[in-house]
Structure formats: C-alpha cells, structure tokens
Amino acid sequence: MKHPIDGLEAFIQIAELGSFNKAAEKLHVTQTGLTRRIQRLESHVGLKLLDRTTRTVALTGIGREFLPEAKRIVDDVDRSFDRLKTISRFSTGDIAIASVPSLMYGRLPLILKTYAARHPHNRVEILDRTSTLVIDAVRRRNAAFGLHVQSTNQPDLYNEVLVRDPFVAYCRSDHPLAGRSSIAWAELAGFDLITIGGSGSNRLLIEVQLARAGIDVRTKFVVEYFSSAIGLASEGLGVAILVASIVENLRPDLAQIPLVDPVVDRPVSVIRRRGETLTPAAQALYNLIARELGPIGPRLTA
C-alpha cells in the first residue's frame, strides 16, 4: 500500500506553523494543493487529524497523538534518502570481490592501497579462488566482480580482458642466465626449472611451450604456489617460470628475464554479471582496477 508521505509532511508543517498559508509557503505548494494532501492523508488513515475553521486550525486528539509518529516516519525517510545520496556521492559501502591468488601476490595490493586511501570507510572482502571458482563466485553473487586468468564466454557474464601477463624466467642474480636481456624457451634446456603444478591454465601454457622447445616437462621442482617457486629460485635451486606480475618488485639479488621465441602470456580479465548495476563502492573499485591494472602488456578489450 502506498503511504502519502507528502501528506505527512503537510500535516507536520501545519501542526508546527499553525497555519495552512504558512505551511503552503514553506512547502512551495498552493493552499489548494496542501488541502488535497491533508485530505488524502485523512482518507488513507480513516481519521480526522485537523480541525479547521475559516480562521483557525488545530490538531484533533488523534492528530496530537499521531504527530510524533509522523515526524519519526518522515525523519526515517529523510535519513534513508540522505544515506543513498552519501553512498552515491562518496561511493561508500562494503563489497566482496573474487581474485586468483597470483594477482593478490602481484600488483592488485597496490591498487587496493589506492582504493583504501580514497575510501577509508569501505570494507573489501577478497575471495581467493582459482579462475573457475572466481567465475562461480560472481555467478552466485558471492562477489560483485572477479579477476581471473581463464578465457570464458558465458552468456550471463560480461568479461573484459584488461591486460596480458607474459611469462618470465626468474632466478638469482648470480645465475648464469641473470645477465640476459631475454631468453628463448629453447635456451632453458639443461637448466634446473621450477614450475607451477596443479590443474590451472598456467601449468598447461608452460608445459605446452616446454614441449614445443624440446624440453622435458618433468621439471626439477613442481610447486603449487607462486610463493614457493620464488622461495626456491631465491635459494638458487633453479629457474622459476612465472608470470611477470608476480615478480615485479625484485630484491637486488634476484633477476627477471623475459621469455621470447615466442612470447607467451595469459589474459588477466575482470568479470561481472550482465545486466546488473554495481554498487557505487564496487563500481569505484572496478573502475580503478580497469584503469590501473597494467601496463604488463598491451591493453585489450573483450
């Protein structure tokens, strides 16, 4: 049932000002319009709230009882609209996003640092997931949007490729390959290699390229996490094959060398549900990520 909020506002102003004329002026309506609002309100509640003569206006007994409640109702409505305006203007609110862990190890924290500085009162929940589970979290509305590295063509989801993340060789600065400006995949033959295991797309891309280069895909070390690969390479136990975004911020004793012939990369995409508007808080983070995630490689559009 639709409640006549404009009638409540008219009732409050008449009660406080003691005059239809003054209330009409304050609300910027005609006296006729004001009278109609009161009539609709009294008809809605089925009770007379005002006694009016040609010279005076006064609250009925029911009107006096109802006045505090009417003020509370209008104040609640005003506060609700003020809250929505604040959310719109300052992009406030809590949000949840999903991301593959490799991006959280790389540059995404720097973007979140900027977001936190701009929106200090917002809370961001980050769901660490594989690419498949990122897509699932977005589809199930557990996350407003997600960052993943898997090609997808889902009719209910919008997918934008933000950047392409190339694979690099990562080793200690005293390693024989450390001084190179680039390394062909075939030149990795004979060196102890560290690769990522599991069933992710990164493993498949690496193994396909190693096989094409005539290198045994059964590498010296196989780990589940990027941090483990970095730890092993840091101890001089081999050359880790990782994506560039993982090892951007190098220590002085570590080296990152681009892998070429060919350059192999993975797409970094942001995904969200089609036909749904993000909250202002989520939209602000979405825009920041879309603008700042890079430059690892050429910016592409889906």
C-alpha atoms as a PDB file:
ATOM      1  CA  MET A   1       0.000   0.000   0.000  1.00  0.00           C
ATOM      2  CA  LYS A   2       1.326   3.408  -0.961  1.00  0.00           C
ATOM      3  CA  HIS A   3       1.547   5.780   2.002  1.00  0.00           C
ATOM      4  CA  PRO A   4       1.082   9.537   1.356  1.00  0.00           C
ATOM      5  CA  ILE A   5       4.459  10.859   2.533  1.00  0.00           C
ATOM      6  CA  ASP A   6       3.664  14.294   1.103  1.00  0.00           C
ATOM      7  CA  GLY A   7       0.551  14.319   3.288  1.00  0.00           C
ATOM      8  CA  LEU A   8       2.655  13.570   6.374  1.00  0.00           C
ATOM      9  CA  GLU A   9       4.973  16.467   5.519  1.00  0.00           C
ATOM     10  CA  ALA A  10       1.974  18.760   5.080  1.00  0.00           C
ATOM     11  CA  PHE A  11       0.467  17.610   8.383  1.00  0.00           C
ATOM     12  CA  ILE A  12       3.732  18.239  10.275  1.00  0.00           C
ATOM     13  CA  GLN A  13       4.228  21.711   8.817  1.00  0.00           C
ATOM     14  CA  ILE A  14       0.639  22.759   9.569  1.00  0.00           C
ATOM     15  CA  ALA A  15       0.981  21.461  13.134  1.00  0.00           C
ATOM     16  CA  GLU A  16       4.265  23.304  13.692  1.00  0.00           C
ATOM     17  CA  LEU A  17       3.330  26.569  11.967  1.00  0.00           C
ATOM     18  CA  GLY A  18      -0.352  26.618  12.971  1.00  0.00           C
ATOM     19  CA  SER A  19      -1.371  27.872   9.546  1.00  0.00           C
ATOM     20  CA  PHE A  20      -2.275  26.400   6.173  1.00  0.00           C
ATOM     21  CA  ASN A  21      -0.975  29.536   4.489  1.00  0.00           C
ATOM     22  CA  LYS A  22       2.452  29.406   6.158  1.00  0.00           C
ATOM     23  CA  ALA A  23       2.734  25.662   5.597  1.00  0.00           C
ATOM     24  CA  ALA A  24       1.882  26.055   1.900  1.00  0.00           C
ATOM     25  CA  GLU A  25       4.544  28.754   1.539  1.00  0.00           C
ATOM     26  CA  LYS A  26       7.203  26.619   3.229  1.00  0.00           C
ATOM     27  CA  LEU A  27       6.377  23.588   1.091  1.00  0.00           C
ATOM     28  CA  HIS A  28       6.107  25.714  -2.078  1.00  0.00           C
ATOM     29  CA  VAL A  29       2.605  24.500  -2.922  1.00  0.00           C
ATOM     30  CA  THR A  30      -0.738  26.228  -3.235  1.00  0.00           C
ATOM     31  CA  GLN A  31      -3.198  26.118  -0.346  1.00  0.00           C
ATOM     32  CA  THR A  32      -5.470  24.052  -2.558  1.00  0.00           C
ATOM     33  CA  GLY A  33      -2.661  21.572  -3.152  1.00  0.00           C
ATOM     34  CA  LEU A  34      -1.910  21.481   0.561  1.00  0.00           C
ATOM     35  CA  THR A  35      -5.556  20.830   1.382  1.00  0.00           C
ATOM     36  CA  ARG A  36      -5.608  17.901  -1.057  1.00  0.00           C
ATOM     37  CA  ARG A  37      -2.568  16.386   0.623  1.00  0.00           C
ATOM     38  CA  ILE A  38      -4.267  16.528   4.013  1.00  0.00           C
ATOM     39  CA  GLN A  39      -7.472  15.094   2.579  1.00  0.00           C
ATOM     40  CA  ARG A  40      -5.581  12.163   1.036  1.00  0.00           C
ATOM     41  CA  LEU A  41      -3.777  11.535   4.338  1.00  0.00           C
ATOM     42  CA  GLU A  42      -7.000  11.591   6.397  1.00  0.00           C
ATOM     43  CA  SER A  43      -8.709   9.366   3.851  1.00  0.00           C
ATOM     44  CA  HIS A  44      -5.747   6.972   3.984  1.00  0.00           C
ATOM     45  CA  VAL A  45      -5.804   6.592   7.781  1.00  0.00           C
ATOM     46  CA  GLY A  46      -9.610   6.875   8.042  1.00  0.00           C
ATOM     47  CA  LEU A  47      -9.381   9.510  10.789  1.00  0.00           C
ATOM     48  CA  LYS A  48      -9.603  13.284  11.035  1.00  0.00           C
ATOM     49  CA  LEU A  49      -6.290  14.762  12.092  1.00  0.00           C
ATOM     50  CA  LEU A  50      -7.018  18.506  11.860  1.00  0.00           C
ATOM     51  CA  ASP A  51      -9.941  20.706  12.868  1.00  0.00           C
ATOM     52  CA  ARG A  52     -10.067  23.721  10.590  1.00  0.00           C
ATOM     53  CA  THR A  53     -12.315  26.772  10.532  1.00  0.00           C
ATOM     54  CA  THR A  54     -12.103  29.876   8.396  1.00  0.00           C
ATOM     55  CA  ARG A  55      -9.788  31.445  10.982  1.00  0.00           C
ATOM     56  CA  THR A  56      -8.107  28.673  12.924  1.00  0.00           C
ATOM     57  CA  VAL A  57      -6.580  25.244  12.545  1.00  0.00           C
ATOM     58  CA  ALA A  58      -5.923  22.821  15.392  1.00  0.00           C
ATOM     59  CA  LEU A  59      -4.909  19.206  15.852  1.00  0.00           C
ATOM     60  CA  THR A  60      -7.580  16.729  16.834  1.00  0.00           C
ATOM     61  CA  GLY A  61      -6.861  14.433  19.761  1.00  0.00           C
ATOM     62  CA  ILE A  62      -5.800  11.693  17.353  1.00  0.00           C
ATOM     63  CA  GLY A  63      -3.736  14.254  15.461  1.00  0.00           C
ATOM     64  CA  ARG A  64      -1.791  15.177  18.615  1.00  0.00           C
ATOM     65  CA  GLU A  65      -1.082  11.526  19.315  1.00  0.00           C
ATOM     66  CA  PHE A  66      -0.040  10.879  15.716  1.00  0.00           C
ATOM     67  CA  LEU A  67       2.261  13.921  15.316  1.00  0.00           C
ATOM     68  CA  PRO A  68       5.388  12.388  16.968  1.00  0.00           C
ATOM     69  CA  GLU A  69       4.924   9.219  14.928  1.00  0.00           C
ATOM     70  CA  ALA A  70       4.525  11.228  11.722  1.00  0.00           C
ATOM     71  CA  LYS A  71       7.758  13.096  12.472  1.00  0.00           C
ATOM     72  CA  ARG A  72       9.575   9.821  13.064  1.00  0.00           C
ATOM     73  CA  ILE A  73       8.325   8.373   9.785  1.00  0.00           C
ATOM     74  CA  VAL A  74       9.400  11.436   7.792  1.00  0.00           C
ATOM     75  CA  ASP A  75      12.769  11.582   9.594  1.00  0.00           C
ATOM     76  CA  ASP A  76      13.373   7.914   8.766  1.00  0.00           C
ATOM     77  CA  VAL A  77      12.576   8.549   5.110  1.00  0.00           C
ATOM     78  CA  ASP A  78      14.878  11.599   5.053  1.00  0.00           C
ATOM     79  CA  ARG A  79      17.712   9.646   6.656  1.00  0.00           C
ATOM     80  CA  SER A  80      17.274   6.829   4.142  1.00  0.00           C
ATOM     81  CA  PHE A  81      17.493   9.218   1.202  1.00  0.00           C
ATOM     82  CA  ASP A  82      20.466  11.031   2.782  1.00  0.00           C
ATOM     83  CA  ARG A  83      22.224   7.678   3.150  1.00  0.00           C
ATOM     84  CA  LEU A  84      21.599   6.853  -0.511  1.00  0.00           C
ATOM     85  CA  LYS A  85      22.906  10.269  -1.549  1.00  0.00           C
ATOM     86  CA  THR A  86      26.031   9.732   0.555  1.00  0.00           C
ATOM     87  CA  ILE A  87      26.577   6.302  -0.977  1.00  0.00           C
ATOM     88  CA  SER A  88      26.188   7.798  -4.451  1.00  0.00           C
ATOM     89  CA  ARG A  89      28.410  10.804  -3.816  1.00  0.00           C
ATOM     90  CA  PHE A  90      31.236   9.155  -1.880  1.00  0.00           C
ATOM     91  CA  SER A  91      30.976   5.545  -3.145  1.00  0.00           C
ATOM     92  CA  THR A  92      30.697   4.195   0.394  1.00  0.00           C
ATOM     93  CA  GLY A  93      29.810   0.641   1.376  1.00  0.00           C
ATOM     94  CA  ASP A  94      31.198  -2.848   1.911  1.00  0.00           C
ATOM     95  CA  ILE A  95      31.992  -5.016  -1.100  1.00  0.00           C
ATOM     96  CA  ALA A  96      33.268  -8.504  -1.888  1.00  0.00           C
ATOM     97  CA  ILE A  97      35.377  -9.391  -4.909  1.00  0.00           C
ATOM     98  CA  ALA A  98      36.986 -12.633  -6.051  1.00  0.00           C
ATOM     99  CA  SER A  99      40.518 -12.933  -7.425  1.00  0.00           C
ATOM    100  CA  VAL A 100      43.055 -15.535  -8.391  1.00  0.00           C
ATOM    101  CA  PRO A 101      45.813 -15.565  -5.718  1.00  0.00           C
ATOM    102  CA  SER A 102      48.588 -14.693  -8.162  1.00  0.00           C
ATOM    103  CA  LEU A 103      47.140 -11.212  -8.672  1.00  0.00           C
ATOM    104  CA  MET A 104      46.974 -10.671  -4.922  1.00  0.00           C
ATOM    105  CA  TYR A 105      50.679 -11.516  -4.739  1.00  0.00           C
ATOM    106  CA  GLY A 106      51.460  -9.074  -7.531  1.00  0.00           C
ATOM    107  CA  ARG A 107      50.047  -5.643  -8.295  1.00  0.00           C
ATOM    108  CA  LEU A 108      46.490  -5.803  -7.013  1.00  0.00           C
ATOM    109  CA  PRO A 109      47.514  -4.868  -3.437  1.00  0.00           C
ATOM    110  CA  LEU A 110      48.931  -1.577  -4.761  1.00  0.00           C
ATOM    111  CA  ILE A 111      45.586  -0.824  -6.406  1.00  0.00           C
ATOM    112  CA  LEU A 112      43.738  -1.719  -3.205  1.00  0.00           C
ATOM    113  CA  LYS A 113      46.057   0.610  -1.290  1.00  0.00           C
ATOM    114  CA  THR A 114      44.964   3.476  -3.525  1.00  0.00           C
ATOM    115  CA  TYR A 115      41.316   2.490  -3.124  1.00  0.00           C
ATOM    116  CA  ALA A 116      41.647   2.326   0.666  1.00  0.00           C
ATOM    117  CA  ALA A 117      43.155   5.813   0.734  1.00  0.00           C
ATOM    118  CA  ARG A 118      40.289   7.210  -1.342  1.00  0.00           C
ATOM    119  CA  HIS A 119      37.560   5.292   0.500  1.00  0.00           C
ATOM    120  CA  PRO A 120      38.861   4.780   4.054  1.00  0.00           C
ATOM    121  CA  HIS A 121      35.499   3.670   5.452  1.00  0.00           C
ATOM    122  CA  ASN A 122      34.857   0.932   2.890  1.00  0.00           C
ATOM    123  CA  ARG A 123      35.465  -2.705   3.734  1.00  0.00           C
ATOM    124  CA  VAL A 124      36.692  -5.010   0.956  1.00  0.00           C
ATOM    125  CA  GLU A 125      36.390  -8.787   1.286  1.00  0.00           C
ATOM    126  CA  ILE A 126      38.646 -10.676  -1.130  1.00  0.00           C
ATOM    127  CA  LEU A 127      37.803 -14.260  -2.021  1.00  0.00           C
ATOM    128  CA  ASP A 128      40.965 -16.100  -3.114  1.00  0.00           C
ATOM    129  CA  ARG A 129      39.848 -18.571  -5.769  1.00  0.00           C
ATOM    130  CA  THR A 130      41.007 -20.415  -8.837  1.00  0.00           C
ATOM    131  CA  SER A 131      39.753 -18.912 -12.097  1.00  0.00           C
ATOM    132  CA  THR A 132      36.887 -21.395 -12.302  1.00  0.00           C
ATOM    133  CA  LEU A 133      35.788 -20.619  -8.747  1.00  0.00           C
ATOM    134  CA  VAL A 134      36.119 -16.866  -9.374  1.00  0.00           C
ATOM    135  CA  ILE A 135      33.557 -17.238 -12.139  1.00  0.00           C
ATOM    136  CA  ASP A 136      31.365 -19.328  -9.847  1.00  0.00           C
ATOM    137  CA  ALA A 137      31.562 -16.744  -7.030  1.00  0.00           C
ATOM    138  CA  VAL A 138      30.465 -13.966  -9.372  1.00  0.00           C
ATOM    139  CA  ARG A 139      27.658 -16.045 -10.829  1.00  0.00           C
ATOM    140  CA  ARG A 140      26.391 -16.961  -7.331  1.00  0.00           C
ATOM    141  CA  ARG A 141      26.552 -13.287  -6.240  1.00  0.00           C
ATOM    142  CA  ASN A 142      29.133 -14.020  -3.573  1.00  0.00           C
ATOM    143  CA  ALA A 143      31.302 -11.403  -5.276  1.00  0.00           C
ATOM    144  CA  ALA A 144      30.395  -8.178  -7.066  1.00  0.00           C
ATOM    145  CA  PHE A 145      33.025  -8.954  -9.713  1.00  0.00           C
ATOM    146  CA  GLY A 146      36.075 -11.123 -10.122  1.00  0.00           C
ATOM    147  CA  LEU A 147      39.587 -11.135 -11.555  1.00  0.00           C
ATOM    148  CA  HIS A 148      40.677 -14.291 -13.320  1.00  0.00           C
ATOM    149  CA  VAL A 149      43.060 -15.616 -15.963  1.00  0.00           C
ATOM    150  CA  GLN A 150      40.861 -18.029 -17.853  1.00  0.00           C
ATOM    151  CA  SER A 151      39.208 -17.473 -21.217  1.00  0.00           C
ATOM    152  CA  THR A 152      35.450 -17.553 -20.871  1.00  0.00           C
ATOM    153  CA  ASN A 153      32.400 -16.945 -22.989  1.00  0.00           C
ATOM    154  CA  GLN A 154      29.458 -17.086 -20.602  1.00  0.00           C
ATOM    155  CA  PRO A 155      26.179 -15.549 -21.854  1.00  0.00           C
ATOM    156  CA  ASP A 156      25.213 -14.362 -18.358  1.00  0.00           C
ATOM    157  CA  LEU A 157      28.590 -12.773 -17.600  1.00  0.00           C
ATOM    158  CA  TYR A 158      30.490  -9.807 -19.024  1.00  0.00           C
ATOM    159  CA  ASN A 159      34.223 -10.453 -19.421  1.00  0.00           C
ATOM    160  CA  GLU A 160      36.779  -7.726 -20.170  1.00  0.00           C
ATOM    161  CA  VAL A 161      40.420  -8.560 -20.812  1.00  0.00           C
ATOM    162  CA  LEU A 162      42.348  -5.809 -19.032  1.00  0.00           C
ATOM    163  CA  VAL A 163      45.929  -6.776 -19.785  1.00  0.00           C
ATOM    164  CA  ARG A 164      48.088  -9.668 -20.950  1.00  0.00           C
ATOM    165  CA  ASP A 165      50.612 -11.011 -18.447  1.00  0.00           C
ATOM    166  CA  PRO A 166      53.763 -12.528 -20.079  1.00  0.00           C
ATOM    167  CA  PHE A 167      55.785 -15.411 -18.672  1.00  0.00           C
ATOM    168  CA  VAL A 168      59.326 -14.681 -17.492  1.00  0.00           C
ATOM    169  CA  ALA A 169      62.296 -16.565 -16.120  1.00  0.00           C
ATOM    170  CA  TYR A 170      63.087 -15.740 -12.517  1.00  0.00           C
ATOM    171  CA  CYS A 171      66.436 -16.542 -10.898  1.00  0.00           C
ATOM    172  CA  ARG A 172      69.137 -15.317  -8.554  1.00  0.00           C
ATOM    173  CA  SER A 173      71.386 -12.541  -9.804  1.00  0.00           C
ATOM    174  CA  ASP A 174      74.408 -14.880  -9.697  1.00  0.00           C
ATOM    175  CA  HIS A 175      72.727 -17.418 -12.008  1.00  0.00           C
ATOM    176  CA  PRO A 176      74.313 -17.853 -15.491  1.00  0.00           C
ATOM    177  CA  LEU A 177      71.121 -16.537 -17.143  1.00  0.00           C
ATOM    178  CA  ALA A 178      70.716 -13.482 -14.886  1.00  0.00           C
ATOM    179  CA  GLY A 179      72.536 -11.032 -17.153  1.00  0.00           C
ATOM    180  CA  ARG A 180      70.472 -11.797 -20.243  1.00  0.00           C
ATOM    181  CA  SER A 181      68.051  -9.229 -21.686  1.00  0.00           C
ATOM    182  CA  SER A 182      65.801 -12.082 -22.864  1.00  0.00           C
ATOM    183  CA  ILE A 183      65.799 -15.875 -23.083  1.00  0.00           C
ATOM    184  CA  ALA A 184      64.308 -18.107 -25.741  1.00  0.00           C
ATOM    185  CA  TRP A 185      62.328 -21.016 -24.366  1.00  0.00           C
ATOM    186  CA  ALA A 186      64.692 -23.481 -26.037  1.00  0.00           C
ATOM    187  CA  GLU A 187      67.624 -21.935 -24.151  1.00  0.00           C
ATOM    188  CA  LEU A 188      66.189 -23.200 -20.859  1.00  0.00           C
ATOM    189  CA  ALA A 189      67.324 -26.704 -21.798  1.00  0.00           C
ATOM    190  CA  GLY A 190      69.947 -28.016 -19.396  1.00  0.00           C
ATOM    191  CA  PHE A 191      68.933 -25.759 -16.508  1.00  0.00           C
ATOM    192  CA  ASP A 192      67.012 -26.878 -13.424  1.00  0.00           C
ATOM    193  CA  LEU A 193      63.495 -25.483 -13.792  1.00  0.00           C
ATOM    194  CA  ILE A 194      60.792 -24.658 -11.255  1.00  0.00           C
ATOM    195  CA  THR A 195      57.213 -24.737 -12.481  1.00  0.00           C
ATOM    196  CA  ILE A 196      53.690 -24.477 -11.086  1.00  0.00           C
ATOM    197  CA  GLY A 197      51.717 -27.695 -10.730  1.00  0.00           C
ATOM    198  CA  GLY A 198      48.022 -28.313 -10.291  1.00  0.00           C
ATOM    199  CA  SER A 199      45.403 -28.168 -12.989  1.00  0.00           C
ATOM    200  CA  GLY A 200      45.496 -24.432 -13.705  1.00  0.00           C
ATOM    201  CA  SER A 201      45.853 -22.765 -17.066  1.00  0.00           C
ATOM    202  CA  ASN A 202      49.378 -21.543 -16.196  1.00  0.00           C
ATOM    203  CA  ARG A 203      50.699 -25.102 -15.982  1.00  0.00           C
ATOM    204  CA  LEU A 204      49.164 -26.025 -19.318  1.00  0.00           C
ATOM    205  CA  LEU A 205      50.635 -22.980 -21.063  1.00  0.00           C
ATOM    206  CA  ILE A 206      54.105 -23.656 -19.646  1.00  0.00           C
ATOM    207  CA  GLU A 207      54.130 -27.371 -20.409  1.00  0.00           C
ATOM    208  CA  VAL A 208      52.943 -26.849 -23.975  1.00  0.00           C
ATOM    209  CA  GLN A 209      55.734 -24.353 -24.604  1.00  0.00           C
ATOM    210  CA  LEU A 210      58.401 -26.505 -22.963  1.00  0.00           C
ATOM    211  CA  ALA A 211      57.307 -29.468 -25.087  1.00  0.00           C
ATOM    212  CA  ARG A 212      57.494 -27.374 -28.258  1.00  0.00           C
ATOM    213  CA  ALA A 213      61.015 -26.317 -27.267  1.00  0.00           C
ATOM    214  CA  GLY A 214      62.009 -29.974 -26.826  1.00  0.00           C
ATOM    215  CA  ILE A 215      62.393 -29.666 -23.049  1.00  0.00           C
ATOM    216  CA  ASP A 216      61.163 -32.351 -20.631  1.00  0.00           C
ATOM    217  CA  VAL A 217      58.003 -31.089 -18.914  1.00  0.00           C
ATOM    218  CA  ARG A 218      59.026 -33.134 -15.829  1.00  0.00           C
ATOM    219  CA  THR A 219      60.945 -30.208 -14.359  1.00  0.00           C
ATOM    220  CA  LYS A 220      63.305 -30.291 -11.356  1.00  0.00           C
ATOM    221  CA  PHE A 221      60.753 -28.777  -8.989  1.00  0.00           C
ATOM    222  CA  VAL A 222      56.978 -28.565  -9.235  1.00  0.00           C
ATOM    223  CA  VAL A 223      55.140 -26.447  -6.645  1.00  0.00           C
ATOM    224  CA  GLU A 224      51.542 -25.437  -6.006  1.00  0.00           C
ATOM    225  CA  TYR A 225      52.059 -21.793  -5.128  1.00  0.00           C
ATOM    226  CA  PHE A 226      53.917 -18.887  -6.699  1.00  0.00           C
ATOM    227  CA  SER A 227      55.479 -18.005  -3.343  1.00  0.00           C
ATOM    228  CA  SER A 228      57.051 -21.477  -3.174  1.00  0.00           C
ATOM    229  CA  ALA A 229      58.563 -21.070  -6.641  1.00  0.00           C
ATOM    230  CA  ILE A 230      60.009 -17.691  -5.684  1.00  0.00           C
ATOM    231  CA  GLY A 231      61.456 -19.153  -2.485  1.00  0.00           C
ATOM    232  CA  LEU A 232      63.195 -21.963  -4.346  1.00  0.00           C
ATOM    233  CA  ALA A 233      64.577 -19.621  -7.015  1.00  0.00           C
ATOM    234  CA  SER A 234      65.788 -17.238  -4.322  1.00  0.00           C
ATOM    235  CA  GLU A 235      67.884 -20.064  -2.859  1.00  0.00           C
ATOM    236  CA  GLY A 236      69.496 -20.744  -6.229  1.00  0.00           C
ATOM    237  CA  LEU A 237      67.736 -24.069  -6.735  1.00  0.00           C
ATOM    238  CA  GLY A 238      66.691 -23.344 -10.300  1.00  0.00           C
ATOM    239  CA  VAL A 239      64.960 -21.004 -12.739  1.00  0.00           C
ATOM    240  CA  ALA A 240      61.304 -20.374 -11.954  1.00  0.00           C
ATOM    241  CA  ILE A 241      58.893 -19.808 -14.829  1.00  0.00           C
ATOM    242  CA  LEU A 242      56.323 -17.293 -13.605  1.00  0.00           C
ATOM    243  CA  VAL A 243      54.137 -14.509 -14.936  1.00  0.00           C
ATOM    244  CA  ALA A 244      55.666 -11.036 -14.892  1.00  0.00           C
ATOM    245  CA  SER A 245      53.135  -9.514 -12.499  1.00  0.00           C
ATOM    246  CA  ILE A 246      54.197 -11.930  -9.748  1.00  0.00           C
ATOM    247  CA  VAL A 247      57.813 -10.797  -9.628  1.00  0.00           C
ATOM    248  CA  GLU A 248      57.614  -7.081 -10.361  1.00  0.00           C
ATOM    249  CA  ASN A 249      59.136  -5.868  -7.113  1.00  0.00           C
ATOM    250  CA  LEU A 250      62.510  -7.631  -7.157  1.00  0.00           C
ATOM    251  CA  ARG A 251      65.137  -7.804  -4.461  1.00  0.00           C
ATOM    252  CA  PRO A 252      68.634  -6.716  -5.559  1.00  0.00           C
ATOM    253  CA  ASP A 253      69.836 -10.338  -5.553  1.00  0.00           C
ATOM    254  CA  LEU A 254      67.111 -11.541  -7.931  1.00  0.00           C
ATOM    255  CA  ALA A 255      66.631 -11.217 -11.694  1.00  0.00           C
ATOM    256  CA  GLN A 256      63.635 -11.347 -14.037  1.00  0.00           C
ATOM    257  CA  ILE A 257      64.279 -12.116 -17.719  1.00  0.00           C
ATOM    258  CA  PRO A 258      61.579 -12.021 -20.436  1.00  0.00           C
ATOM    259  CA  LEU A 259      60.911 -15.327 -22.207  1.00  0.00           C
ATOM    260  CA  VAL A 260      60.756 -14.983 -26.002  1.00  0.00           C
ATOM    261  CA  ASP A 261      60.578 -17.012 -29.199  1.00  0.00           C
ATOM    262  CA  PRO A 262      57.685 -16.971 -28.643  1.00  0.00           C
ATOM    263  CA  VAL A 263      56.342 -14.528 -26.067  1.00  0.00           C
ATOM    264  CA  VAL A 264      53.687 -16.445 -24.115  1.00  0.00           C
ATOM    265  CA  ASP A 265      51.207 -14.654 -21.916  1.00  0.00           C
ATOM    266  CA  ARG A 266      47.940 -15.163 -20.071  1.00  0.00           C
ATOM    267  CA  PRO A 267      44.918 -12.822 -20.204  1.00  0.00           C
ATOM    268  CA  VAL A 268      44.000 -11.034 -16.992  1.00  0.00           C
ATOM    269  CA  SER A 269      40.260 -10.375 -17.072  1.00  0.00           C
ATOM    270  CA  VAL A 270      37.610  -8.786 -14.898  1.00  0.00           C
ATOM    271  CA  ILE A 271      34.219 -10.481 -14.924  1.00  0.00           C
ATOM    272  CA  ARG A 272      30.801  -9.385 -13.681  1.00  0.00           C
ATOM    273  CA  ARG A 273      27.156 -10.280 -14.157  1.00  0.00           C
ATOM    274  CA  ARG A 274      25.458  -8.918 -17.259  1.00  0.00           C
ATOM    275  CA  GLY A 275      22.539  -6.541 -16.864  1.00  0.00           C
ATOM    276  CA  GLU A 276      23.298  -5.728 -13.195  1.00  0.00           C
ATOM    277  CA  THR A 277      24.420  -2.363 -11.876  1.00  0.00           C
ATOM    278  CA  LEU A 278      27.319  -2.429  -9.433  1.00  0.00           C
ATOM    279  CA  THR A 279      27.013  -0.525  -6.161  1.00  0.00           C
ATOM    280  CA  PRO A 280      28.895   2.805  -6.186  1.00  0.00           C
ATOM    281  CA  ALA A 281      31.570   1.313  -3.899  1.00  0.00           C
ATOM    282  CA  ALA A 282      32.066  -1.686  -6.189  1.00  0.00           C
ATOM    283  CA  GLN A 283      31.964   0.471  -9.322  1.00  0.00           C
ATOM    284  CA  ALA A 284      34.679   2.747  -7.922  1.00  0.00           C
ATOM    285  CA  LEU A 285      36.983  -0.237  -7.334  1.00  0.00           C
ATOM    286  CA  TYR A 286      36.069  -1.784 -10.687  1.00  0.00           C
ATOM    287  CA  ASN A 287      36.980   1.456 -12.484  1.00  0.00           C
ATOM    288  CA  LEU A 288      40.247   1.784 -10.567  1.00  0.00           C
ATOM    289  CA  ILE A 289      41.303  -1.779 -11.366  1.00  0.00           C
ATOM    290  CA  ALA A 290      40.358  -1.386 -15.028  1.00  0.00           C
ATOM    291  CA  ARG A 291      42.444   1.789 -15.226  1.00  0.00           C
ATOM    292  CA  GLU A 292      45.454   0.773 -13.132  1.00  0.00           C
ATOM    293  CA  LEU A 293      45.955  -2.933 -13.800  1.00  0.00           C
ATOM    294  CA  GLY A 294      48.915  -2.682 -16.128  1.00  0.00           C
ATOM    295  CA  PRO A 295      50.976  -1.997 -18.057  1.00  0.00           C
ATOM    296  CA  ILE A 296      52.170  -5.615 -18.180  1.00  0.00           C
ATOM    297  CA  GLY A 297      51.443  -5.813 -21.877  1.00  0.00           C
ATOM    298  CA  PRO A 298      49.086  -4.264 -24.463  1.00  0.00           C
ATOM    299  CA  ARG A 299      45.633  -3.257 -23.157  1.00  0.00           C
ATOM    300  CA  LEU A 300      42.897  -5.223 -24.922  1.00  0.00           C
ATOM    301  CA  THR A 301      39.117  -5.053 -24.914  1.00  0.00           C
ATOM    302  CA  ALA A 302      36.778  -8.005 -24.806  1.00  0.00           C
END
